[in-house]
């Protein structure tokens, strides 16, 4: 599974960006998708995730109400709409994927994801 993240850039506080993650996997609809971020000197952390069907989503507390994760299985692409951006959102954003493996699953654990994209830089100026 190859993942290609795009859409990062420089934006002022309060602005918006939309990240995209395109997958090479034909069975994209079998993948749970996640967005993670890593700021300088900090560990990589979960931002948001979406289940294979889109029926379940997860958001870390700091982005709830501002970010929206979605997917288009027909286009093999996941998205992260980021609104009301803050300087503390500055980081390299990575998309990640893991295969659906059963009815019970978690979306928020970094080590559960097997495939990673290359990352896209998001910089929010104050």
C-alpha atoms as a PDB file:
ATOM      1  CA  UNK A   1       0.000   0.000   0.000  1.00  0.00           C
ATOM      2  CA  UNK A   2       1.443   3.317  -1.061  1.00  0.00           C
ATOM      3  CA  UNK A   3       0.121   6.569   0.391  1.00  0.00           C
ATOM      4  CA  UNK A   4       0.696  10.045  -0.980  1.00  0.00           C
ATOM      5  CA  UNK A   5      -0.155  12.975   1.275  1.00  0.00           C
ATOM      6  CA  UNK A   6      -0.607  16.462  -0.137  1.00  0.00           C
ATOM      7  CA  UNK A   7      -2.208  19.807   0.605  1.00  0.00           C
ATOM      8  CA  UNK A   8       0.058  21.214   3.273  1.00  0.00           C
ATOM      9  CA  UNK A   9       1.330  24.751   3.238  1.00  0.00           C
ATOM     10  CA  UNK A  10       1.692  28.035   5.075  1.00  0.00           C
ATOM     11  CA  UNK A  11      -1.455  29.656   6.420  1.00  0.00           C
ATOM     12  CA  UNK A  12      -2.292  32.368   8.903  1.00  0.00           C
ATOM     13  CA  UNK A  13      -3.968  31.566  12.193  1.00  0.00           C
ATOM     14  CA  UNK A  14      -7.685  31.156  11.681  1.00  0.00           C
ATOM     15  CA  UNK A  15      -7.225  29.913   8.145  1.00  0.00           C
ATOM     16  CA  UNK A  16      -8.006  26.569   6.559  1.00  0.00           C
ATOM     17  CA  UNK A  17      -6.242  23.807   4.699  1.00  0.00           C
ATOM     18  CA  UNK A  18      -7.427  20.541   3.211  1.00  0.00           C
ATOM     19  CA  UNK A  19      -5.068  17.605   3.229  1.00  0.00           C
ATOM     20  CA  UNK A  20      -5.468  14.677   0.876  1.00  0.00           C
ATOM     21  CA  UNK A  21      -4.110  11.156   1.087  1.00  0.00           C
ATOM     22  CA  UNK A  22      -4.227   9.153  -2.118  1.00  0.00           C
ATOM     23  CA  UNK A  23      -3.788   5.398  -1.920  1.00  0.00           C
ATOM     24  CA  UNK A  24      -2.542   2.931  -4.481  1.00  0.00           C
ATOM     25  CA  UNK A  25      -4.546   0.161  -2.866  1.00  0.00           C
ATOM     26  CA  UNK A  26      -7.414  -1.142  -4.995  1.00  0.00           C
ATOM     27  CA  UNK A  27      -9.082  -2.413  -1.854  1.00  0.00           C
ATOM     28  CA  UNK A  28      -9.008   1.055  -0.332  1.00  0.00           C
ATOM     29  CA  UNK A  29     -12.408   0.450   1.203  1.00  0.00           C
ATOM     30  CA  UNK A  30     -10.789  -2.252   3.337  1.00  0.00           C
ATOM     31  CA  UNK A  31      -8.459   0.240   4.980  1.00  0.00           C
ATOM     32  CA  UNK A  32      -8.887   2.233   8.149  1.00  0.00           C
ATOM     33  CA  UNK A  33      -7.210   5.589   7.589  1.00  0.00           C
ATOM     34  CA  UNK A  34      -5.539   7.916  10.047  1.00  0.00           C
ATOM     35  CA  UNK A  35      -3.907  11.313  10.116  1.00  0.00           C
ATOM     36  CA  UNK A  36      -1.011  11.881  12.483  1.00  0.00           C
ATOM     37  CA  UNK A  37       1.274  14.826  13.062  1.00  0.00           C
ATOM     38  CA  UNK A  38       4.704  15.432  14.453  1.00  0.00           C
ATOM     39  CA  UNK A  39       5.968  18.801  15.599  1.00  0.00           C
ATOM     40  CA  UNK A  40       9.698  19.489  16.071  1.00  0.00           C
ATOM     41  CA  UNK A  41      10.963  17.871  19.238  1.00  0.00           C
ATOM     42  CA  UNK A  42       7.700  16.082  19.895  1.00  0.00           C
ATOM     43  CA  UNK A  43       6.413  12.583  19.401  1.00  0.00           C
ATOM     44  CA  UNK A  44       4.108  11.694  16.547  1.00  0.00           C
ATOM     45  CA  UNK A  45       0.494  11.880  17.653  1.00  0.00           C
ATOM     46  CA  UNK A  46      -2.907  10.935  16.343  1.00  0.00           C
ATOM     47  CA  UNK A  47      -4.995  13.752  14.891  1.00  0.00           C
ATOM     48  CA  UNK A  48      -7.983  11.966  13.397  1.00  0.00           C
ATOM     49  CA  UNK A  49      -8.955   8.601  11.988  1.00  0.00           C
ATOM     50  CA  UNK A  50     -11.786   7.058  10.029  1.00  0.00           C
ATOM     51  CA  UNK A  51     -12.941   3.492   9.724  1.00  0.00           C
ATOM     52  CA  UNK A  52     -13.005   1.507   6.492  1.00  0.00           C
ATOM     53  CA  UNK A  53     -16.661   2.348   5.885  1.00  0.00           C
ATOM     54  CA  UNK A  54     -16.511   5.905   7.125  1.00  0.00           C
ATOM     55  CA  UNK A  55     -19.007   5.037   9.797  1.00  0.00           C
ATOM     56  CA  UNK A  56     -16.670   5.616  12.719  1.00  0.00           C
ATOM     57  CA  UNK A  57     -14.352   8.550  13.277  1.00  0.00           C
ATOM     58  CA  UNK A  58     -11.913   9.563  15.967  1.00  0.00           C
ATOM     59  CA  UNK A  59     -10.508  13.005  16.809  1.00  0.00           C
ATOM     60  CA  UNK A  60      -7.976  14.015  19.358  1.00  0.00           C
ATOM     61  CA  UNK A  61      -9.405  16.535  21.787  1.00  0.00           C
ATOM     62  CA  UNK A  62      -7.366  19.492  20.541  1.00  0.00           C
ATOM     63  CA  UNK A  63      -8.893  19.360  17.038  1.00  0.00           C
ATOM     64  CA  UNK A  64     -12.501  18.482  17.817  1.00  0.00           C
ATOM     65  CA  UNK A  65     -14.864  20.963  16.222  1.00  0.00           C
ATOM     66  CA  UNK A  66     -12.135  22.320  13.927  1.00  0.00           C
ATOM     67  CA  UNK A  67     -10.964  19.350  11.845  1.00  0.00           C
ATOM     68  CA  UNK A  68     -13.031  16.903   9.821  1.00  0.00           C
ATOM     69  CA  UNK A  69     -11.812  13.603   8.440  1.00  0.00           C
ATOM     70  CA  UNK A  70     -13.544  12.014   5.467  1.00  0.00           C
ATOM     71  CA  UNK A  71     -12.937   9.537   2.696  1.00  0.00           C
ATOM     72  CA  UNK A  72     -13.988   8.884  -0.859  1.00  0.00           C
ATOM     73  CA  UNK A  73     -13.656   5.158  -1.469  1.00  0.00           C
ATOM     74  CA  UNK A  74     -14.421   5.565  -5.163  1.00  0.00           C
ATOM     75  CA  UNK A  75     -11.345   7.797  -5.489  1.00  0.00           C
ATOM     76  CA  UNK A  76      -9.118   5.870  -3.048  1.00  0.00           C
ATOM     77  CA  UNK A  77      -8.556   9.068  -1.118  1.00  0.00           C
ATOM     78  CA  UNK A  78      -8.882  10.271   2.451  1.00  0.00           C
ATOM     79  CA  UNK A  79      -9.130  13.908   3.468  1.00  0.00           C
ATOM     80  CA  UNK A  80      -8.510  16.092   6.472  1.00  0.00           C
ATOM     81  CA  UNK A  81     -10.305  19.427   6.413  1.00  0.00           C
ATOM     82  CA  UNK A  82      -8.614  21.749   8.882  1.00  0.00           C
ATOM     83  CA  UNK A  83     -10.391  24.943   9.888  1.00  0.00           C
ATOM     84  CA  UNK A  84      -9.623  27.615  12.480  1.00  0.00           C
ATOM     85  CA  UNK A  85      -5.989  26.652  12.394  1.00  0.00           C
ATOM     86  CA  UNK A  86      -3.768  27.624  15.295  1.00  0.00           C
ATOM     87  CA  UNK A  87       0.022  28.020  15.514  1.00  0.00           C
ATOM     88  CA  UNK A  88       0.114  24.912  17.695  1.00  0.00           C
ATOM     89  CA  UNK A  89      -1.205  22.902  14.725  1.00  0.00           C
ATOM     90  CA  UNK A  90       2.131  23.448  12.998  1.00  0.00           C
ATOM     91  CA  UNK A  91       3.668  20.047  12.249  1.00  0.00           C
ATOM     92  CA  UNK A  92       4.409  17.523   9.568  1.00  0.00           C
ATOM     93  CA  UNK A  93       1.174  15.660   8.898  1.00  0.00           C
ATOM     94  CA  UNK A  94       1.249  12.002   7.927  1.00  0.00           C
ATOM     95  CA  UNK A  95      -1.487   9.779   6.647  1.00  0.00           C
ATOM     96  CA  UNK A  96      -1.465   6.138   7.591  1.00  0.00           C
ATOM     97  CA  UNK A  97      -3.467   3.022   6.858  1.00  0.00           C
ATOM     98  CA  UNK A  98      -4.229  -0.385   8.243  1.00  0.00           C
ATOM     99  CA  UNK A  99      -6.444  -3.138   6.990  1.00  0.00           C
ATOM    100  CA  UNK A 100      -9.806  -3.847   8.539  1.00  0.00           C
ATOM    101  CA  UNK A 101      -9.340  -6.927  10.693  1.00  0.00           C
ATOM    102  CA  UNK A 102     -12.618  -7.506  12.432  1.00  0.00           C
ATOM    103  CA  UNK A 103     -15.610  -5.930  14.046  1.00  0.00           C
ATOM    104  CA  UNK A 104     -13.673  -4.778  17.095  1.00  0.00           C
ATOM    105  CA  UNK A 105     -10.935  -2.273  16.411  1.00  0.00           C
ATOM    106  CA  UNK A 106      -9.346   0.921  17.625  1.00  0.00           C
ATOM    107  CA  UNK A 107      -8.411   3.806  15.402  1.00  0.00           C
ATOM    108  CA  UNK A 108      -6.282   5.915  17.733  1.00  0.00           C
ATOM    109  CA  UNK A 109      -3.152   3.853  18.260  1.00  0.00           C
ATOM    110  CA  UNK A 110      -0.149   4.778  16.170  1.00  0.00           C
ATOM    111  CA  UNK A 111       1.418   1.314  16.355  1.00  0.00           C
ATOM    112  CA  UNK A 112      -1.652  -0.321  14.796  1.00  0.00           C
ATOM    113  CA  UNK A 113      -0.997   1.388  11.449  1.00  0.00           C
ATOM    114  CA  UNK A 114       1.142  -0.536   8.985  1.00  0.00           C
ATOM    115  CA  UNK A 115       1.451   1.842   6.044  1.00  0.00           C
ATOM    116  CA  UNK A 116       2.605   5.447   6.091  1.00  0.00           C
ATOM    117  CA  UNK A 117       2.790   8.296   3.641  1.00  0.00           C
ATOM    118  CA  UNK A 118       5.713  10.673   3.322  1.00  0.00           C
ATOM    119  CA  UNK A 119       4.248  13.599   5.260  1.00  0.00           C
ATOM    120  CA  UNK A 120       3.230  17.107   4.321  1.00  0.00           C
ATOM    121  CA  UNK A 121       4.270  20.238   6.190  1.00  0.00           C
ATOM    122  CA  UNK A 122       1.609  22.458   7.734  1.00  0.00           C
ATOM    123  CA  UNK A 123       2.783  25.785   9.109  1.00  0.00           C
ATOM    124  CA  UNK A 124       0.395  28.164  10.854  1.00  0.00           C
ATOM    125  CA  UNK A 125       1.671  31.667  11.467  1.00  0.00           C
ATOM    126  CA  UNK A 126       0.377  33.854  14.285  1.00  0.00           C
END
